[in-house]
C-alpha atoms as a PDB file:
ATOM      1  CA  MET A   1      30.378  16.233  12.678  1.00  0.00           C
ATOM      2  CA  LEU A   2      27.984  14.591  10.387  1.00  0.00           C
ATOM      3  CA  ASP A   3      24.965  16.477   9.760  1.00  0.00           C
ATOM      4  CA  LEU A   4      21.380  15.145   9.889  1.00  0.00           C
ATOM      5  CA  VAL A   5      20.025  16.889   7.328  1.00  0.00           C
ATOM      6  CA  TYR A   6      22.355  14.932   5.282  1.00  0.00           C
ATOM      7  CA  LEU A   7      20.881  11.198   6.123  1.00  0.00           C
ATOM      8  CA  HIS A   8      17.509  13.108   6.233  1.00  0.00           C
ATOM      9  CA  THR A   9      18.335  14.330   2.195  1.00  0.00           C
ATOM     10  CA  PHE A  10      20.008  10.885   1.516  1.00  0.00           C
ATOM     11  CA  ARG A  11      17.069   8.610   2.860  1.00  0.00           C
ATOM     12  CA  GLU A  12      14.354  10.895   0.232  1.00  0.00           C
ATOM     13  CA  VAL A  13      16.866  10.082  -2.592  1.00  0.00           C
ATOM     14  CA  ALA A  14      16.815   5.966  -1.435  1.00  0.00           C
ATOM     15  CA  ARG A  15      13.070   6.388  -1.319  1.00  0.00           C
ATOM     16  CA  ARG A  16      11.948   8.217  -4.274  1.00  0.00           C
ATOM     17  CA  ARG A  17      15.068   6.598  -5.980  1.00  0.00           C
ATOM     18  CA  SER A  18      15.822   9.925  -7.583  1.00  0.00           C
ATOM     19  CA  ILE A  19      17.508  12.963  -7.003  1.00  0.00           C
ATOM     20  CA  THR A  20      15.205  15.282  -9.110  1.00  0.00           C
ATOM     21  CA  ARG A  21      12.421  13.901  -6.991  1.00  0.00           C
ATOM     22  CA  ALA A  22      13.920  14.042  -3.639  1.00  0.00           C
ATOM     23  CA  ALA A  23      14.950  17.939  -4.320  1.00  0.00           C
ATOM     24  CA  GLU A  24      11.146  18.513  -5.306  1.00  0.00           C
ATOM     25  CA  GLU A  25      10.232  16.537  -2.339  1.00  0.00           C
ATOM     26  CA  LEU A  26      12.414  18.849   0.259  1.00  0.00           C
ATOM     27  CA  GLY A  27      12.118  22.081  -1.305  1.00  0.00           C
ATOM     28  CA  TYR A  28      16.405  22.207  -1.725  1.00  0.00           C
ATOM     29  CA  ALA A  29      17.760  22.868  -5.654  1.00  0.00           C
ATOM     30  CA  GLN A  30      18.821  19.499  -7.626  1.00  0.00           C
ATOM     31  CA  SER A  31      22.703  20.836  -7.093  1.00  0.00           C
ATOM     32  CA  SER A  32      22.366  20.655  -3.349  1.00  0.00           C
ATOM     33  CA  VAL A  33      21.265  17.164  -3.126  1.00  0.00           C
ATOM     34  CA  THR A  34      23.765  15.965  -5.445  1.00  0.00           C
ATOM     35  CA  VAL A  35      26.481  18.167  -2.793  1.00  0.00           C
ATOM     36  CA  GLN A  36      25.261  16.487   0.093  1.00  0.00           C
ATOM     37  CA  ILE A  37      25.202  13.021  -1.523  1.00  0.00           C
ATOM     38  CA  GLN A  38      29.158  13.854  -2.324  1.00  0.00           C
ATOM     39  CA  LYS A  39      29.305  15.122   0.866  1.00  0.00           C
ATOM     40  CA  LEU A  40      28.302  11.815   3.224  1.00  0.00           C
ATOM     41  CA  GLU A  41      30.224   9.391   0.206  1.00  0.00           C
ATOM     42  CA  LYS A  42      33.467  11.420   0.986  1.00  0.00           C
ATOM     43  CA  HIS A  43      32.121  11.432   4.819  1.00  0.00           C
ATOM     44  CA  TYR A  44      31.974   7.516   4.937  1.00  0.00           C
ATOM     45  CA  GLY A  45      34.744   6.725   2.086  1.00  0.00           C
ATOM     46  CA  VAL A  46      32.277   4.604  -0.158  1.00  0.00           C
ATOM     47  CA  PRO A  47      29.684   5.031  -2.960  1.00  0.00           C
ATOM     48  CA  LEU A  48      26.730   5.258  -1.508  1.00  0.00           C
ATOM     49  CA  LEU A  49      24.481   5.594  -4.807  1.00  0.00           C
ATOM     50  CA  GLU A  50      24.509   4.308  -8.312  1.00  0.00           C
ATOM     51  CA  ARG A  51      22.447   5.057 -11.406  1.00  0.00           C
ATOM     52  CA  TYR A  52      20.326   2.666 -12.829  1.00  0.00           C
ATOM     53  CA  GLY A  53      18.701   3.604 -16.254  1.00  0.00           C
ATOM     54  CA  ARG A  54      16.633   6.504 -15.189  1.00  0.00           C
ATOM     55  CA  TYR A  55      16.933   5.734 -11.266  1.00  0.00           C
ATOM     56  CA  MET A  56      18.854   5.842  -8.674  1.00  0.00           C
ATOM     57  CA  ARG A  57      20.008   2.635  -6.783  1.00  0.00           C
ATOM     58  CA  LEU A  58      21.761   2.025  -3.288  1.00  0.00           C
ATOM     59  CA  THR A  59      24.733   0.148  -3.277  1.00  0.00           C
ATOM     60  CA  PRO A  60      25.643  -2.587  -0.542  1.00  0.00           C
ATOM     61  CA  PRO A  61      27.109   0.389   2.060  1.00  0.00           C
ATOM     62  CA  GLY A  62      24.168   2.685   0.598  1.00  0.00           C
ATOM     63  CA  GLU A  63      21.652  -0.330   1.929  1.00  0.00           C
ATOM     64  CA  ALA A  64      23.464  -0.520   5.270  1.00  0.00           C
ATOM     65  CA  LEU A  65      23.724   3.150   5.798  1.00  0.00           C
ATOM     66  CA  LEU A  66      19.815   3.581   4.911  1.00  0.00           C
ATOM     67  CA  LYS A  67      18.479   1.182   7.723  1.00  0.00           C
ATOM     68  CA  LEU A  68      21.056   2.857  10.426  1.00  0.00           C
ATOM     69  CA  ALA A  69      20.360   6.601   9.176  1.00  0.00           C
ATOM     70  CA  SER A  70      16.375   5.927   9.095  1.00  0.00           C
ATOM     71  CA  GLN A  71      17.136   4.977  13.056  1.00  0.00           C
ATOM     72  CA  MET A  72      18.853   7.559  13.712  1.00  0.00           C
ATOM     73  CA  LEU A  73      16.141  10.182  12.343  1.00  0.00           C
ATOM     74  CA  ASP A  74      13.689   8.103  14.356  1.00  0.00           C
ATOM     75  CA  LEU A  75      15.709   8.466  17.226  1.00  0.00           C
ATOM     76  CA  TYR A  76      15.538  12.523  16.686  1.00  0.00           C
ATOM     77  CA  ASP A  77      12.307  12.830  15.979  1.00  0.00           C
ATOM     78  CA  GLN A  78      11.398  10.636  19.102  1.00  0.00           C
ATOM     79  CA  SER A  79      14.019  12.624  20.906  1.00  0.00           C
ATOM     80  CA  ARG A  80      12.223  16.226  19.397  1.00  0.00           C
ATOM     81  CA  GLU A  81       8.525  15.122  20.384  1.00  0.00           C
ATOM     82  CA  THR A  82       9.471  13.751  24.177  1.00  0.00           C
ATOM     83  CA  VAL A  83      11.740  16.777  25.275  1.00  0.00           C
ATOM     84  CA  ALA A  84       9.342  19.901  23.019  1.00  0.00           C
ATOM     85  CA  GLY A  85       6.150  18.151  22.781  1.00  0.00           C
ATOM     86  CA  TYR A  86       7.012  18.673  19.080  1.00  0.00           C
ATOM     87  CA  ALA A  87       4.286  16.598  17.163  1.00  0.00           C
ATOM     88  CA  GLY A  88       6.133  17.164  13.435  1.00  0.00           C
ATOM     89  CA  GLY A  89       8.343  15.342  11.791  1.00  0.00           C
ATOM     90  CA  THR A  90       7.820  13.091   8.729  1.00  0.00           C
ATOM     91  CA  LEU A  91       5.287   9.977   9.115  1.00  0.00           C
ATOM     92  CA  VAL A  92       5.663   7.290   6.021  1.00  0.00           C
ATOM     93  CA  ILE A  93       2.978   4.909   5.501  1.00  0.00           C
ATOM     94  CA  GLY A  94       3.831   2.210   2.570  1.00  0.00           C
ATOM     95  CA  ALA A  95       0.476   0.652   1.449  1.00  0.00           C
ATOM     96  CA  ILE A  96      -1.026  -1.329  -1.714  1.00  0.00           C
ATOM     97  CA  ASP A  97      -2.644   0.387  -4.496  1.00  0.00           C
ATOM     98  CA  SER A  98      -5.803  -0.439  -3.928  1.00  0.00           C
ATOM     99  CA  LEU A  99      -5.378   1.242  -0.289  1.00  0.00           C
ATOM    100  CA  SER A 100      -3.804   4.238  -1.066  1.00  0.00           C
ATOM    101  CA  ALA A 101      -6.157   5.453  -3.748  1.00  0.00           C
ATOM    102  CA  TYR A 102      -9.594   4.250  -2.284  1.00  0.00           C
ATOM    103  CA  PHE A 103      -8.910   3.985   1.306  1.00  0.00           C
ATOM    104  CA  LEU A 104      -6.529   6.211   2.756  1.00  0.00           C
ATOM    105  CA  PRO A 105      -6.764   9.807   2.035  1.00  0.00           C
ATOM    106  CA  PRO A 106      -9.606  10.475   4.879  1.00  0.00           C
ATOM    107  CA  TYR A 107      -7.758   9.295   7.329  1.00  0.00           C
ATOM    108  CA  LEU A 108      -4.855  11.389   5.696  1.00  0.00           C
ATOM    109  CA  GLN A 109      -6.347  14.761   5.995  1.00  0.00           C
ATOM    110  CA  ARG A 110      -7.325  14.056   9.338  1.00  0.00           C
ATOM    111  CA  LEU A 111      -3.756  13.700  10.443  1.00  0.00           C
ATOM    112  CA  ARG A 112      -3.090  16.815   8.358  1.00  0.00           C
ATOM    113  CA  ARG A 113      -5.837  18.721  10.791  1.00  0.00           C
ATOM    114  CA  MET A 114      -4.482  17.459  14.056  1.00  0.00           C
ATOM    115  CA  PHE A 115      -1.105  17.793  12.961  1.00  0.00           C
ATOM    116  CA  PRO A 116      -0.444  20.735  10.990  1.00  0.00           C
ATOM    117  CA  GLY A 117       3.388  20.271  11.311  1.00  0.00           C
ATOM    118  CA  LEU A 118       3.483  16.400  10.224  1.00  0.00           C
ATOM    119  CA  ASN A 119       5.050  15.918   6.716  1.00  0.00           C
ATOM    120  CA  ILE A 120       3.144  12.697   5.490  1.00  0.00           C
ATOM    121  CA  GLN A 121       4.703  10.829   3.016  1.00  0.00           C
ATOM    122  CA  LEU A 122       2.505   8.078   1.171  1.00  0.00           C
ATOM    123  CA  GLN A 123       4.153   5.360  -0.707  1.00  0.00           C
ATOM    124  CA  PRO A 124       2.411   2.927  -3.010  1.00  0.00           C
ATOM    125  CA  GLU A 125       4.337  -0.757  -3.111  1.00  0.00           C
ATOM    126  CA  ARG A 126       3.534  -4.583  -3.523  1.00  0.00           C
ATOM    127  CA  GLU A 127       3.127  -6.125  -0.511  1.00  0.00           C
ATOM    128  CA  SER A 128       6.422  -7.667  -0.662  1.00  0.00           C
ATOM    129  CA  ASN A 129       8.223  -4.367  -0.568  1.00  0.00           C
ATOM    130  CA  ILE A 130       6.041  -2.985   2.342  1.00  0.00           C
ATOM    131  CA  VAL A 131       7.329  -6.121   4.327  1.00  0.00           C
ATOM    132  CA  SER A 132      10.681  -5.411   3.568  1.00  0.00           C
ATOM    133  CA  LYS A 133      10.815  -1.756   4.040  1.00  0.00           C
ATOM    134  CA  VAL A 134       8.766  -1.959   7.349  1.00  0.00           C
ATOM    135  CA  LYS A 135      11.131  -4.296   8.357  1.00  0.00           C
ATOM    136  CA  GLU A 136      14.189  -2.273   7.615  1.00  0.00           C
ATOM    137  CA  GLY A 137      12.932   0.841   9.236  1.00  0.00           C
ATOM    138  CA  GLU A 138      12.047   2.782   5.867  1.00  0.00           C
ATOM    139  CA  PHE A 139       8.569   3.265   6.698  1.00  0.00           C
ATOM    140  CA  ASP A 140       6.872   3.442   9.772  1.00  0.00           C
ATOM    141  CA  ILE A 141       3.543   1.666   9.249  1.00  0.00           C
ATOM    142  CA  GLY A 142       2.627  -0.519   6.028  1.00  0.00           C
ATOM    143  CA  LEU A 143      -1.101  -1.638   5.205  1.00  0.00           C
ATOM    144  CA  LEU A 144      -1.993  -4.603   2.807  1.00  0.00           C
ATOM    145  CA  LEU A 145      -4.495  -7.023   2.407  1.00  0.00           C
ATOM    146  CA  ASP A 146      -3.846 -10.190   3.483  1.00  0.00           C
ATOM    147  CA  VAL A 147      -5.811 -13.591   4.833  1.00  0.00           C
ATOM    148  CA  LYS A 148      -3.140 -14.295   7.698  1.00  0.00           C
ATOM    149  CA  PRO A 149      -0.291 -12.578   9.020  1.00  0.00           C
ATOM    150  CA  ALA A 150       2.064 -11.028   6.377  1.00  0.00           C
ATOM    151  CA  ASP A 151       4.994 -11.893   8.622  1.00  0.00           C
ATOM    152  CA  THR A 152       5.655 -13.164  11.642  1.00  0.00           C
ATOM    153  CA  SER A 153       8.534 -11.101  12.580  1.00  0.00           C
ATOM    154  CA  LEU A 154       6.102  -7.687  12.648  1.00  0.00           C
ATOM    155  CA  LEU A 155       3.412  -6.778  14.587  1.00  0.00           C
ATOM    156  CA  CYS A 156       0.497  -7.660  12.091  1.00  0.00           C
ATOM    157  CA  THR A 157      -3.069  -6.148  13.331  1.00  0.00           C
ATOM    158  CA  ALA A 158      -6.270  -7.176  11.388  1.00  0.00           C
ATOM    159  CA  VAL A 159      -8.293  -4.036  11.490  1.00  0.00           C
ATOM    160  CA  ARG A 160     -11.349  -5.294   9.712  1.00  0.00           C
ATOM    161  CA  GLU A 161     -11.738  -7.801   6.815  1.00  0.00           C
ATOM    162  CA  GLU A 162     -12.453  -6.171   3.421  1.00  0.00           C
ATOM    163  CA  PRO A 163     -14.600  -7.817   0.729  1.00  0.00           C
ATOM    164  CA  LEU A 164     -13.883  -8.917  -2.117  1.00  0.00           C
ATOM    165  CA  MET A 165     -17.102  -8.840  -5.052  1.00  0.00           C
ATOM    166  CA  LEU A 166     -16.872 -10.256  -8.554  1.00  0.00           C
ATOM    167  CA  VAL A 167     -18.239  -7.238 -10.596  1.00  0.00           C
ATOM    168  CA  ALA A 168     -19.515  -6.886 -14.358  1.00  0.00           C
ATOM    169  CA  LEU A 169     -21.833  -4.766 -16.226  1.00  0.00           C
ATOM    170  CA  PRO A 170     -25.247  -4.826 -14.707  1.00  0.00           C
ATOM    171  CA  ASP A 171     -27.339  -6.185 -18.026  1.00  0.00           C
ATOM    172  CA  HIS A 172     -24.439  -9.513 -17.631  1.00  0.00           C
ATOM    173  CA  PRO A 173     -26.029 -12.719 -18.069  1.00  0.00           C
ATOM    174  CA  LEU A 174     -24.463 -13.821 -14.693  1.00  0.00           C
ATOM    175  CA  GLY A 175     -26.048 -10.938 -13.027  1.00  0.00           C
ATOM    176  CA  LEU A 176     -29.249 -12.642 -13.855  1.00  0.00           C
ATOM    177  CA  LEU A 177     -29.025 -15.673 -11.805  1.00  0.00           C
ATOM    178  CA  PRO A 178     -30.027 -15.625  -8.349  1.00  0.00           C
ATOM    179  CA  LYS A 179     -27.012 -17.242  -7.333  1.00  0.00           C
ATOM    180  CA  VAL A 180     -23.189 -17.868  -9.269  1.00  0.00           C
ATOM    181  CA  GLU A 181     -22.018 -20.980  -8.766  1.00  0.00           C
ATOM    182  CA  LEU A 182     -18.518 -22.037  -9.652  1.00  0.00           C
ATOM    183  CA  SER A 183     -19.045 -23.992 -12.529  1.00  0.00           C
ATOM    184  CA  ASP A 184     -20.690 -20.980 -13.948  1.00  0.00           C
ATOM    185  CA  LEU A 185     -17.825 -19.202 -14.302  1.00  0.00           C
ATOM    186  CA  ASN A 186     -16.528 -21.727 -16.489  1.00  0.00           C
ATOM    187  CA  GLY A 187     -15.012 -20.322 -19.846  1.00  0.00           C
ATOM    188  CA  ALA A 188     -15.478 -16.854 -18.528  1.00  0.00           C
ATOM    189  CA  GLU A 189     -13.555 -13.375 -19.896  1.00  0.00           C
ATOM    190  CA  LEU A 190     -11.634 -12.459 -16.756  1.00  0.00           C
ATOM    191  CA  ILE A 191      -9.679  -9.492 -16.040  1.00  0.00           C
ATOM    192  CA  ILE A 192      -7.213 -10.412 -13.491  1.00  0.00           C
ATOM    193  CA  SER A 193      -4.895  -8.258 -11.608  1.00  0.00           C
ATOM    194  CA  GLU A 194      -0.702  -8.556 -11.847  1.00  0.00           C
ATOM    195  CA  GLU A 195       0.698 -12.170 -10.736  1.00  0.00           C
ATOM    196  CA  SER A 196       2.053 -10.782  -7.478  1.00  0.00           C
ATOM    197  CA  CYS A 197      -1.739  -9.550  -6.110  1.00  0.00           C
ATOM    198  CA  ILE A 198      -3.007 -12.098  -3.405  1.00  0.00           C
ATOM    199  CA  TYR A 199      -6.302 -12.289  -4.204  1.00  0.00           C
ATOM    200  CA  ARG A 200      -5.359 -13.227  -8.080  1.00  0.00           C
ATOM    201  CA  GLY A 201      -3.798 -15.883  -6.591  1.00  0.00           C
ATOM    202  CA  MET A 202      -6.304 -16.609  -3.920  1.00  0.00           C
ATOM    203  CA  PHE A 203      -8.934 -16.584  -7.294  1.00  0.00           C
ATOM    204  CA  GLU A 204      -6.805 -18.496  -9.475  1.00  0.00           C
ATOM    205  CA  LYS A 205      -6.633 -21.639  -6.793  1.00  0.00           C
ATOM    206  CA  VAL A 206      -9.935 -21.852  -6.556  1.00  0.00           C
ATOM    207  CA  LEU A 207     -10.641 -22.189 -10.046  1.00  0.00           C
ATOM    208  CA  ARG A 208      -7.634 -24.480 -10.837  1.00  0.00           C
ATOM    209  CA  GLU A 209      -9.493 -26.592  -8.075  1.00  0.00           C
ATOM    210  CA  GLY A 210     -13.016 -26.695  -9.262  1.00  0.00           C
ATOM    211  CA  GLU A 211     -10.913 -27.250 -12.573  1.00  0.00           C
ATOM    212  CA  ILE A 212     -12.804 -24.099 -13.988  1.00  0.00           C
ATOM    213  CA  ALA A 213     -11.442 -23.370 -17.546  1.00  0.00           C
ATOM    214  CA  PHE A 214     -11.322 -19.438 -18.143  1.00  0.00           C
ATOM    215  CA  THR A 215     -10.073 -16.582 -20.465  1.00  0.00           C
ATOM    216  CA  SER A 216      -7.897 -14.258 -18.684  1.00  0.00           C
ATOM    217  CA  LEU A 217      -8.422 -11.217 -21.050  1.00  0.00           C
ATOM    218  CA  PHE A 218      -5.881  -8.866 -19.752  1.00  0.00           C
ATOM    219  CA  GLU A 219      -3.261  -8.807 -16.521  1.00  0.00           C
ATOM    220  CA  LEU A 220      -3.027  -5.222 -14.929  1.00  0.00           C
ATOM    221  CA  GLY A 221      -1.438  -4.088 -12.428  1.00  0.00           C
ATOM    222  CA  ASN A 222      -3.704  -1.413 -11.154  1.00  0.00           C
ATOM    223  CA  PRO A 223      -6.837  -1.463  -9.669  1.00  0.00           C
ATOM    224  CA  GLU A 224      -8.775   1.498 -10.967  1.00  0.00           C
ATOM    225  CA  ALA A 225      -7.363  -0.154 -14.831  1.00  0.00           C
ATOM    226  CA  ILE A 226      -8.986  -3.269 -14.071  1.00  0.00           C
ATOM    227  CA  LYS A 227     -12.285  -1.393 -13.052  1.00  0.00           C
ATOM    228  CA  GLN A 228     -12.637   0.798 -15.854  1.00  0.00           C
ATOM    229  CA  CYS A 229     -12.243  -2.075 -18.220  1.00  0.00           C
ATOM    230  CA  VAL A 230     -14.957  -3.518 -16.581  1.00  0.00           C
ATOM    231  CA  VAL A 231     -16.963  -0.641 -17.044  1.00  0.00           C
ATOM    232  CA  ASN A 232     -16.547  -0.527 -20.382  1.00  0.00           C
ATOM    233  CA  GLY A 233     -17.286  -4.391 -21.124  1.00  0.00           C
ATOM    234  CA  LEU A 234     -14.561  -5.889 -21.500  1.00  0.00           C
ATOM    235  CA  GLY A 235     -14.826  -9.137 -18.807  1.00  0.00           C
ATOM    236  CA  ILE A 236     -15.183  -9.459 -15.266  1.00  0.00           C
ATOM    237  CA  ALA A 237     -13.416  -9.313 -12.533  1.00  0.00           C
ATOM    238  CA  LEU A 238     -12.606  -9.766  -8.629  1.00  0.00           C
ATOM    239  CA  LEU A 239     -12.273  -6.478  -6.874  1.00  0.00           C
ATOM    240  CA  PRO A 240     -12.074  -5.532  -2.933  1.00  0.00           C
ATOM    241  CA  GLN A 241     -15.445  -3.807  -2.611  1.00  0.00           C
ATOM    242  CA  MET A 242     -13.929  -0.167  -1.507  1.00  0.00           C
ATOM    243  CA  VAL A 243     -12.034   0.222  -5.630  1.00  0.00           C
ATOM    244  CA  VAL A 244     -16.271  -0.657  -6.916  1.00  0.00           C
ATOM    245  CA  ALA A 245     -18.454   0.764  -3.978  1.00  0.00           C
ATOM    246  CA  ASP A 246     -18.704   4.046  -6.229  1.00  0.00           C
ATOM    247  CA  GLU A 247     -19.618   2.526  -9.618  1.00  0.00           C
ATOM    248  CA  LEU A 248     -22.007   0.365  -7.434  1.00  0.00           C
ATOM    249  CA  ALA A 249     -23.711   3.157  -6.014  1.00  0.00           C
ATOM    250  CA  ALA A 250     -24.554   4.458  -9.459  1.00  0.00           C
ATOM    251  CA  GLY A 251     -25.041   1.866 -10.906  1.00  0.00           C
ATOM    252  CA  LYS A 252     -22.534   1.574 -13.195  1.00  0.00           C
ATOM    253  CA  LEU A 253     -21.561  -2.301 -12.209  1.00  0.00           C
ATOM    254  CA  ALA A 254     -23.069  -4.737 -10.621  1.00  0.00           C
ATOM    255  CA  ALA A 255     -22.322  -7.478  -7.841  1.00  0.00           C
ATOM    256  CA  LEU A 256     -22.881 -11.025  -9.373  1.00  0.00           C
ATOM    257  CA  PRO A 257     -23.876 -13.408  -6.469  1.00  0.00           C
ATOM    258  CA  PHE A 258     -20.963 -15.097  -5.883  1.00  0.00           C
ATOM    259  CA  THR A 259     -19.233 -16.226  -2.686  1.00  0.00           C
ATOM    260  CA  HIS A 260     -16.592 -18.680  -1.588  1.00  0.00           C
ATOM    261  CA  PRO A 261     -15.323 -19.300   1.756  1.00  0.00           C
ATOM    262  CA  ASP A 262     -11.884 -19.005   0.078  1.00  0.00           C
ATOM    263  CA  ILE A 263     -11.776 -15.729  -1.056  1.00  0.00           C
ATOM    264  CA  ARG A 264     -11.838 -13.084   1.787  1.00  0.00           C
ATOM    265  CA  PHE A 265      -8.707 -11.428   3.475  1.00  0.00           C
ATOM    266  CA  ASP A 266      -8.226  -8.942   5.978  1.00  0.00           C
ATOM    267  CA  LEU A 267      -7.101  -4.991   6.018  1.00  0.00           C
ATOM    268  CA  GLN A 268      -4.357  -5.297   8.364  1.00  0.00           C
ATOM    269  CA  TYR A 269      -1.455  -2.572   9.611  1.00  0.00           C
ATOM    270  CA  LEU A 270       2.222  -3.511  10.188  1.00  0.00           C
ATOM    271  CA  ILE A 271       4.737  -2.141  12.470  1.00  0.00           C
ATOM    272  CA  HIS A 272       7.974  -3.118  13.969  1.00  0.00           C
ATOM    273  CA  PRO A 273       7.822  -4.355  17.476  1.00  0.00           C
ATOM    274  CA  LYS A 274      10.496  -1.865  18.455  1.00  0.00           C
ATOM    275  CA  LYS A 275       9.124   0.590  16.446  1.00  0.00           C
ATOM    276  CA  TRP A 276       8.679   3.920  18.479  1.00  0.00           C
ATOM    277  CA  MET A 277       5.385   5.379  18.566  1.00  0.00           C
ATOM    278  CA  SER A 278       5.481   8.866  17.844  1.00  0.00           C
ATOM    279  CA  GLY A 279       2.317  10.972  18.608  1.00  0.00           C
ATOM    280  CA  PRO A 280       1.133  10.782  15.032  1.00  0.00           C
ATOM    281  CA  LEU A 281       1.580   7.247  14.437  1.00  0.00           C
ATOM    282  CA  GLN A 282      -0.312   6.242  17.229  1.00  0.00           C
ATOM    283  CA  ALA A 283      -3.179   8.313  16.188  1.00  0.00           C
ATOM    284  CA  PHE A 284      -3.073   7.181  12.857  1.00  0.00           C
ATOM    285  CA  ILE A 285      -3.177   3.755  14.344  1.00  0.00           C
ATOM    286  CA  ASP A 286      -5.825   4.608  16.603  1.00  0.00           C
ATOM    287  CA  MET A 287      -7.775   5.922  13.475  1.00  0.00           C
ATOM    288  CA  LEU A 288      -7.983   2.505  11.862  1.00  0.00           C
ATOM    289  CA  GLY A 289      -8.943   0.848  14.930  1.00  0.00           C
ATOM    290  CA  ASP A 290     -12.146   3.019  14.895  1.00  0.00           C
ATOM    291  CA  SER A 291     -12.860   2.337  11.093  1.00  0.00           C
ATOM    292  CA  GLU A 292     -14.080  -1.122  11.417  1.00  0.00           C
ATOM    293  CA  GLU A 293     -17.553   0.059  13.052  1.00  0.00           C
ATOM    294  CA  GLY A 294     -18.030   2.923  10.998  1.00  0.00           C
ATOM    295  CA  GLU A 295     -17.313   0.276   7.669  1.00  0.00           C
ATOM    296  CA  SER A 296     -19.089  -2.719   9.024  1.00  0.00           C
ATOM    297  CA  ALA A 297     -22.227  -1.646   7.617  1.00  0.00           C
ATOM    298  CA  SER A 298     -20.954  -1.456   4.164  1.00  0.00           C
ATOM    299  CA  HIS A 299     -20.073  -5.286   3.805  1.00  0.00           C
ATOM    300  CA  SER A 300     -23.330  -6.788   2.554  1.00  0.00           C
ATOM    301  CA  GLY A 301     -23.176  -8.896  -0.490  1.00  0.00           C
ATOM    302  CA  ALA A 302     -19.200  -9.147  -0.625  1.00  0.00           C
ATOM    303  CA  VAL A 303     -17.514 -12.623  -1.620  1.00  0.00           C
ATOM    304  CA  GLY A 304     -16.201 -14.456   1.265  1.00  0.00           C
END
């Protein structure tokens, strides 16, 4: 009889792409994780994982098993909660970097207090990966920033509009203007996010349509790195308000008086339409719904 523990271990290795990291997360010896994977492969008669450089990746049979394993483990947690009122298990949240770092920590703390036995896993990912992993059942819920529903096959719920702000040092020449027009950005030195970032695409489209020439000094994948470059006087950047809120309050950065109707997006969460709503997942969704009122007062001066 196949042990569910092996499937749980397999899922952790697949998520972390590493036997060592999975062992650390599960509290097992690395050799124990290796043995469990080997037993699974012997049971199914196919290789499930292969080494790819420093990391492990799923083989095609492994990808198929991961989808089914996620469903089986989800059903097992459902049975425990339904039959015994158990509110433990694992809640896997996928989120883009800015939400992982600047939005979610207080909610995770509240969840931990509500469900002491819950294992909470926060997985920072790109938007496209979040969508696919919610579809495949690897993530219980995904959070991202987008201007429209990220995928019509999933349940996409907008929590609130998240302002985008064009920020610079407080003494930046553009900050002296009563209003920054699009034409004022001609020749600007910008620090931009990686190409897959949704708000980079928005901003570049607006600049391109306005025939605005700009210099891209740095292209960085991490919002914290972008912010620190601005703090150190290396240029200006468009960032979500949540990323720069502390620096604005401390006077280290200033929000330029720039607005544009095509530069806006919503914080939204995604779940699979057939996803079982465990107690912790429902509680987390309820928290997100309550966040709109609490945050609305801080949205003045936003781009959008």
